C-alpha atoms as a PDB file:
ATOM      1  CA  MET A   1      20.294  -7.209 -26.335  1.00  0.00           C
ATOM      2  CA  ILE A   2      18.472  -4.274 -27.028  1.00  0.00           C
ATOM      3  CA  ASP A   3      20.195  -1.394 -28.756  1.00  0.00           C
ATOM      4  CA  ASN A   4      17.766   1.015 -29.477  1.00  0.00           C
ATOM      5  CA  LYS A   5      17.816   3.553 -26.309  1.00  0.00           C
ATOM      6  CA  LEU A   6      15.589   6.619 -25.780  1.00  0.00           C
ATOM      7  CA  ASN A   7      17.730   9.962 -24.979  1.00  0.00           C
ATOM      8  CA  VAL A   8      16.045  11.727 -22.005  1.00  0.00           C
ATOM      9  CA  LYS A   9      17.535  14.957 -20.424  1.00  0.00           C
ATOM     10  CA  ILE A  10      17.795  14.691 -16.684  1.00  0.00           C
ATOM     11  CA  VAL A  11      18.821  17.298 -13.774  1.00  0.00           C
ATOM     12  CA  LYS A  12      20.311  16.659 -10.599  1.00  0.00           C
ATOM     13  CA  LEU A  13      18.528  19.415  -8.391  1.00  0.00           C
ATOM     14  CA  ARG A  14      20.718  18.434  -5.679  1.00  0.00           C
ATOM     15  CA  GLU A  15      24.160  16.999  -5.554  1.00  0.00           C
ATOM     16  CA  ASN A  16      23.651  13.895  -3.576  1.00  0.00           C
ATOM     17  CA  ALA A  17      20.583  12.954  -5.972  1.00  0.00           C
ATOM     18  CA  ILE A  18      21.447   9.607  -7.743  1.00  0.00           C
ATOM     19  CA  ILE A  19      20.679   9.090 -11.052  1.00  0.00           C
ATOM     20  CA  PRO A  20      18.088   5.929 -11.911  1.00  0.00           C
ATOM     21  CA  VAL A  21      19.696   2.922 -13.269  1.00  0.00           C
ATOM     22  CA  TYR A  22      18.810  -0.652 -14.202  1.00  0.00           C
ATOM     23  CA  GLN A  23      20.013  -3.259 -12.128  1.00  0.00           C
ATOM     24  CA  THR A  24      19.956  -6.001 -14.987  1.00  0.00           C
ATOM     25  CA  GLU A  25      20.328  -5.871 -18.594  1.00  0.00           C
ATOM     26  CA  GLN A  26      16.777  -6.954 -19.388  1.00  0.00           C
ATOM     27  CA  SER A  27      15.143  -4.775 -16.506  1.00  0.00           C
ATOM     28  CA  ALA A  28      12.147  -2.715 -17.420  1.00  0.00           C
ATOM     29  CA  GLY A  29      12.395  -0.364 -14.323  1.00  0.00           C
ATOM     30  CA  MET A  30      15.154   1.881 -13.186  1.00  0.00           C
ATOM     31  CA  ASP A  31      15.839   2.341  -9.494  1.00  0.00           C
ATOM     32  CA  LEU A  32      15.125   5.395  -8.146  1.00  0.00           C
ATOM     33  CA  TYR A  33      16.799   6.498  -4.856  1.00  0.00           C
ATOM     34  CA  ALA A  34      15.346   8.512  -1.743  1.00  0.00           C
ATOM     35  CA  CYS A  35      17.360  11.931  -1.808  1.00  0.00           C
ATOM     36  CA  ILE A  36      16.611  12.682   1.666  1.00  0.00           C
ATOM     37  CA  GLU A  37      19.186  14.283   4.447  1.00  0.00           C
ATOM     38  CA  GLU A  38      18.387  11.993   7.105  1.00  0.00           C
ATOM     39  CA  PRO A  39      16.100   8.776   7.800  1.00  0.00           C
ATOM     40  CA  LYS A  40      12.236   9.209   7.375  1.00  0.00           C
ATOM     41  CA  ILE A  41       9.788   7.188   9.628  1.00  0.00           C
ATOM     42  CA  LEU A  42       6.911   5.942   7.782  1.00  0.00           C
ATOM     43  CA  GLN A  43       4.396   5.135  10.309  1.00  0.00           C
ATOM     44  CA  PRO A  44       1.536   2.428   9.668  1.00  0.00           C
ATOM     45  CA  LEU A  45      -0.779   3.550   7.109  1.00  0.00           C
ATOM     46  CA  GLU A  46       1.257   6.939   6.691  1.00  0.00           C
ATOM     47  CA  ARG A  47       1.899   8.209   3.236  1.00  0.00           C
ATOM     48  CA  ALA A  48       4.641  10.578   2.296  1.00  0.00           C
ATOM     49  CA  VAL A  49       6.220  11.607  -0.694  1.00  0.00           C
ATOM     50  CA  ILE A  50       9.842  10.930  -0.963  1.00  0.00           C
ATOM     51  CA  PRO A  51      11.934  13.264  -2.903  1.00  0.00           C
ATOM     52  CA  THR A  52      14.497  12.045  -6.033  1.00  0.00           C
ATOM     53  CA  GLY A  53      16.128  15.325  -6.180  1.00  0.00           C
ATOM     54  CA  LEU A  54      15.894  14.645 -10.181  1.00  0.00           C
ATOM     55  CA  SER A  55      13.845  16.481 -12.991  1.00  0.00           C
ATOM     56  CA  ILE A  56      13.597  14.930 -16.199  1.00  0.00           C
ATOM     57  CA  GLU A  57      12.588  16.194 -19.754  1.00  0.00           C
ATOM     58  CA  LEU A  58      10.590  13.650 -21.405  1.00  0.00           C
ATOM     59  CA  PRO A  59      10.050  13.556 -25.408  1.00  0.00           C
ATOM     60  CA  ALA A  60       6.376  13.933 -26.472  1.00  0.00           C
ATOM     61  CA  GLY A  61       4.490  11.071 -26.816  1.00  0.00           C
ATOM     62  CA  TYR A  62       6.207   9.536 -23.561  1.00  0.00           C
ATOM     63  CA  GLU A  63       5.512   9.102 -19.850  1.00  0.00           C
ATOM     64  CA  SER A  64       7.129   8.159 -16.566  1.00  0.00           C
ATOM     65  CA  GLN A  65       5.415   5.530 -14.555  1.00  0.00           C
ATOM     66  CA  ILE A  66       6.705   5.286 -10.891  1.00  0.00           C
ATOM     67  CA  ARG A  67       5.972   1.819  -9.388  1.00  0.00           C
ATOM     68  CA  ALA A  68       6.383   0.140  -6.228  1.00  0.00           C
ATOM     69  CA  ARG A  69       9.728  -2.289  -6.026  1.00  0.00           C
ATOM     70  CA  SER A  70       8.172  -5.533  -5.657  1.00  0.00           C
ATOM     71  CA  GLY A  71      10.591  -6.488  -2.753  1.00  0.00           C
ATOM     72  CA  MET A  72       9.557  -3.732  -0.581  1.00  0.00           C
ATOM     73  CA  THR A  73       6.087  -4.460  -0.742  1.00  0.00           C
ATOM     74  CA  LEU A  74       6.174  -8.085  -0.105  1.00  0.00           C
ATOM     75  CA  LYS A  75       8.842  -7.760   2.622  1.00  0.00           C
ATOM     76  CA  HIS A  76       7.878  -4.363   4.128  1.00  0.00           C
ATOM     77  CA  GLY A  77       4.138  -3.347   2.835  1.00  0.00           C
ATOM     78  CA  ILE A  78       5.964  -0.303   1.062  1.00  0.00           C
ATOM     79  CA  ALA A  79       3.803   0.497  -1.557  1.00  0.00           C
ATOM     80  CA  MET A  80       2.651   3.326  -3.894  1.00  0.00           C
ATOM     81  CA  ALA A  81      -0.279   5.215  -2.473  1.00  0.00           C
ATOM     82  CA  ASN A  82      -1.907   5.638  -5.914  1.00  0.00           C
ATOM     83  CA  GLY A  83      -0.990   2.420  -7.184  1.00  0.00           C
ATOM     84  CA  VAL A  84       1.100   3.987 -10.309  1.00  0.00           C
ATOM     85  CA  GLY A  85       2.321   7.347 -10.580  1.00  0.00           C
ATOM     86  CA  THR A  86       2.158   8.658 -13.881  1.00  0.00           C
ATOM     87  CA  ILE A  87       4.026  11.747 -14.589  1.00  0.00           C
ATOM     88  CA  ASP A  88       3.542  13.670 -18.069  1.00  0.00           C
ATOM     89  CA  ALA A  89       6.034  14.615 -20.615  1.00  0.00           C
ATOM     90  CA  ASP A  90       5.385  18.352 -20.180  1.00  0.00           C
ATOM     91  CA  TYR A  91       6.162  18.267 -16.137  1.00  0.00           C
ATOM     92  CA  ARG A  92       9.399  19.811 -15.174  1.00  0.00           C
ATOM     93  CA  GLY A  93       9.425  19.419 -11.502  1.00  0.00           C
ATOM     94  CA  GLU A  94      10.973  17.298  -8.888  1.00  0.00           C
ATOM     95  CA  TYR A  95       9.893  13.661  -9.513  1.00  0.00           C
ATOM     96  CA  GLY A  96       8.900  12.176  -6.028  1.00  0.00           C
ATOM     97  CA  ALA A  97       7.526   8.666  -5.065  1.00  0.00           C
ATOM     98  CA  LEU A  98       4.304   8.767  -3.201  1.00  0.00           C
ATOM     99  CA  VAL A  99       4.818   5.791  -0.932  1.00  0.00           C
ATOM    100  CA  ILE A 100       2.250   4.315   1.646  1.00  0.00           C
ATOM    101  CA  ASN A 101       3.359   2.247   4.607  1.00  0.00           C
ATOM    102  CA  LEU A 102       0.861  -0.506   4.438  1.00  0.00           C
ATOM    103  CA  SER A 103       2.399  -2.974   7.254  1.00  0.00           C
ATOM    104  CA  ASP A 104       1.597  -2.780  11.053  1.00  0.00           C
ATOM    105  CA  THR A 105       5.041  -1.769  11.919  1.00  0.00           C
ATOM    106  CA  PRO A 106       7.011   1.535  10.871  1.00  0.00           C
ATOM    107  CA  PHE A 107       9.300   1.823   8.242  1.00  0.00           C
ATOM    108  CA  VAL A 108      12.659   3.416   8.113  1.00  0.00           C
ATOM    109  CA  ILE A 109      13.306   5.065   4.664  1.00  0.00           C
ATOM    110  CA  GLU A 110      17.350   5.566   4.603  1.00  0.00           C
ATOM    111  CA  PRO A 111      19.024   8.169   2.329  1.00  0.00           C
ATOM    112  CA  ASP A 112      20.126   6.949  -0.780  1.00  0.00           C
ATOM    113  CA  MET A 113      17.739   3.966  -0.737  1.00  0.00           C
ATOM    114  CA  ARG A 114      15.953   2.240  -3.595  1.00  0.00           C
ATOM    115  CA  ILE A 115      12.622   3.594  -3.039  1.00  0.00           C
ATOM    116  CA  ALA A 116      10.565   2.813  -6.140  1.00  0.00           C
ATOM    117  CA  GLN A 117      11.109   1.912  -9.849  1.00  0.00           C
ATOM    118  CA  LEU A 118      10.730   4.167 -12.859  1.00  0.00           C
ATOM    119  CA  ILE A 119       9.364   3.037 -16.187  1.00  0.00           C
ATOM    120  CA  ILE A 120       9.290   5.051 -19.425  1.00  0.00           C
ATOM    121  CA  ALA A 121       6.523   4.443 -21.375  1.00  0.00           C
ATOM    122  CA  LYS A 122       5.459   5.623 -24.803  1.00  0.00           C
ATOM    123  CA  TYR A 123       1.820   6.319 -25.236  1.00  0.00           C
ATOM    124  CA  GLU A 124      -0.996   7.396 -27.539  1.00  0.00           C
ATOM    125  CA  THR A 125      -3.383  10.130 -27.702  1.00  0.00           C
ATOM    126  CA  VAL A 126      -6.942   9.312 -28.367  1.00  0.00           C
ATOM    127  CA  ASN A 127      -9.459  10.788 -30.928  1.00  0.00           C
ATOM    128  CA  TRP A 128     -13.073   9.815 -29.729  1.00  0.00           C
ATOM    129  CA  GLN A 129     -15.330   8.695 -32.453  1.00  0.00           C
ATOM    130  CA  GLU A 130     -18.730   8.682 -30.989  1.00  0.00           C
ATOM    131  CA  VAL A 131     -21.083   5.992 -32.591  1.00  0.00           C
ATOM    132  CA  ASP A 132     -24.505   4.842 -31.768  1.00  0.00           C
ATOM    133  CA  SER A 133     -23.112   1.050 -30.978  1.00  0.00           C
ATOM    134  CA  LEU A 134     -20.021  -0.940 -30.608  1.00  0.00           C
ATOM    135  CA  SER A 135     -19.310  -4.094 -32.744  1.00  0.00           C
ATOM    136  CA  GLU A 136     -20.603  -7.417 -31.038  1.00  0.00           C
ATOM    137  CA  THR A 137     -18.240  -9.914 -28.992  1.00  0.00           C
ATOM    138  CA  GLN A 138     -18.411 -13.501 -27.465  1.00  0.00           C
ATOM    139  CA  ARG A 139     -17.950 -11.793 -23.981  1.00  0.00           C
ATOM    140  CA  GLY A 140     -20.462  -8.988 -24.372  1.00  0.00           C
ATOM    141  CA  THR A 141     -21.044  -6.870 -21.558  1.00  0.00           C
ATOM    142  CA  GLY A 142     -19.985  -9.336 -19.102  1.00  0.00           C
ATOM    143  CA  GLY A 143     -18.269  -7.737 -16.336  1.00  0.00           C
ATOM    144  CA  TYR A 144     -15.968  -8.762 -13.601  1.00  0.00           C
ATOM    145  CA  GLY A 145     -15.664 -12.594 -13.029  1.00  0.00           C
ATOM    146  CA  SER A 146     -18.022 -13.224 -16.156  1.00  0.00           C
ATOM    147  CA  THR A 147     -15.595 -15.314 -17.789  1.00  0.00           C
ATOM    148  CA  GLY A 148     -14.999 -17.630 -14.662  1.00  0.00           C
ATOM    149  CA  ALA A 149     -11.703 -18.828 -12.663  1.00  0.00           C
ATOM    150  CA  LYS A 150     -11.254 -22.094 -14.013  1.00  0.00           C
ATOM    151  CA  ILE A 151     -10.316 -23.538 -17.407  1.00  0.00           C
ATOM    152  CA  ASN A 152     -13.769 -25.629 -18.338  1.00  0.00           C
END
């Protein structure tokens, strides 16, 4: 068991908001819950921001990532409209999940439904060093598909 835990401040903006939780001991993501008063019908290809009722204060050097729940994507076509949503450490507003219904049927988002997952990740900031050339590698400038699809 990993015992080094990051202390993060969180505010419930509404009484019915649910604090994110890990479903298993080694889960990387915590479930985010829809903090809505009534069901929301998401039509095919419709996008919506589903509020969580939460605001979070991350330490500098960390970000929040809001990701799709794989089971909801596989079973119902519910994904994150922006792939992975990044929330910076200096944001203090309400967290929301930007979802899209990629299926051909309407999907009902219920109050308190587990709608997305939240990952807290450490990141580095970059100091660019402009140079005239980069080191040589075996791959070089080979782009998409240049390494092939099969083992030789």
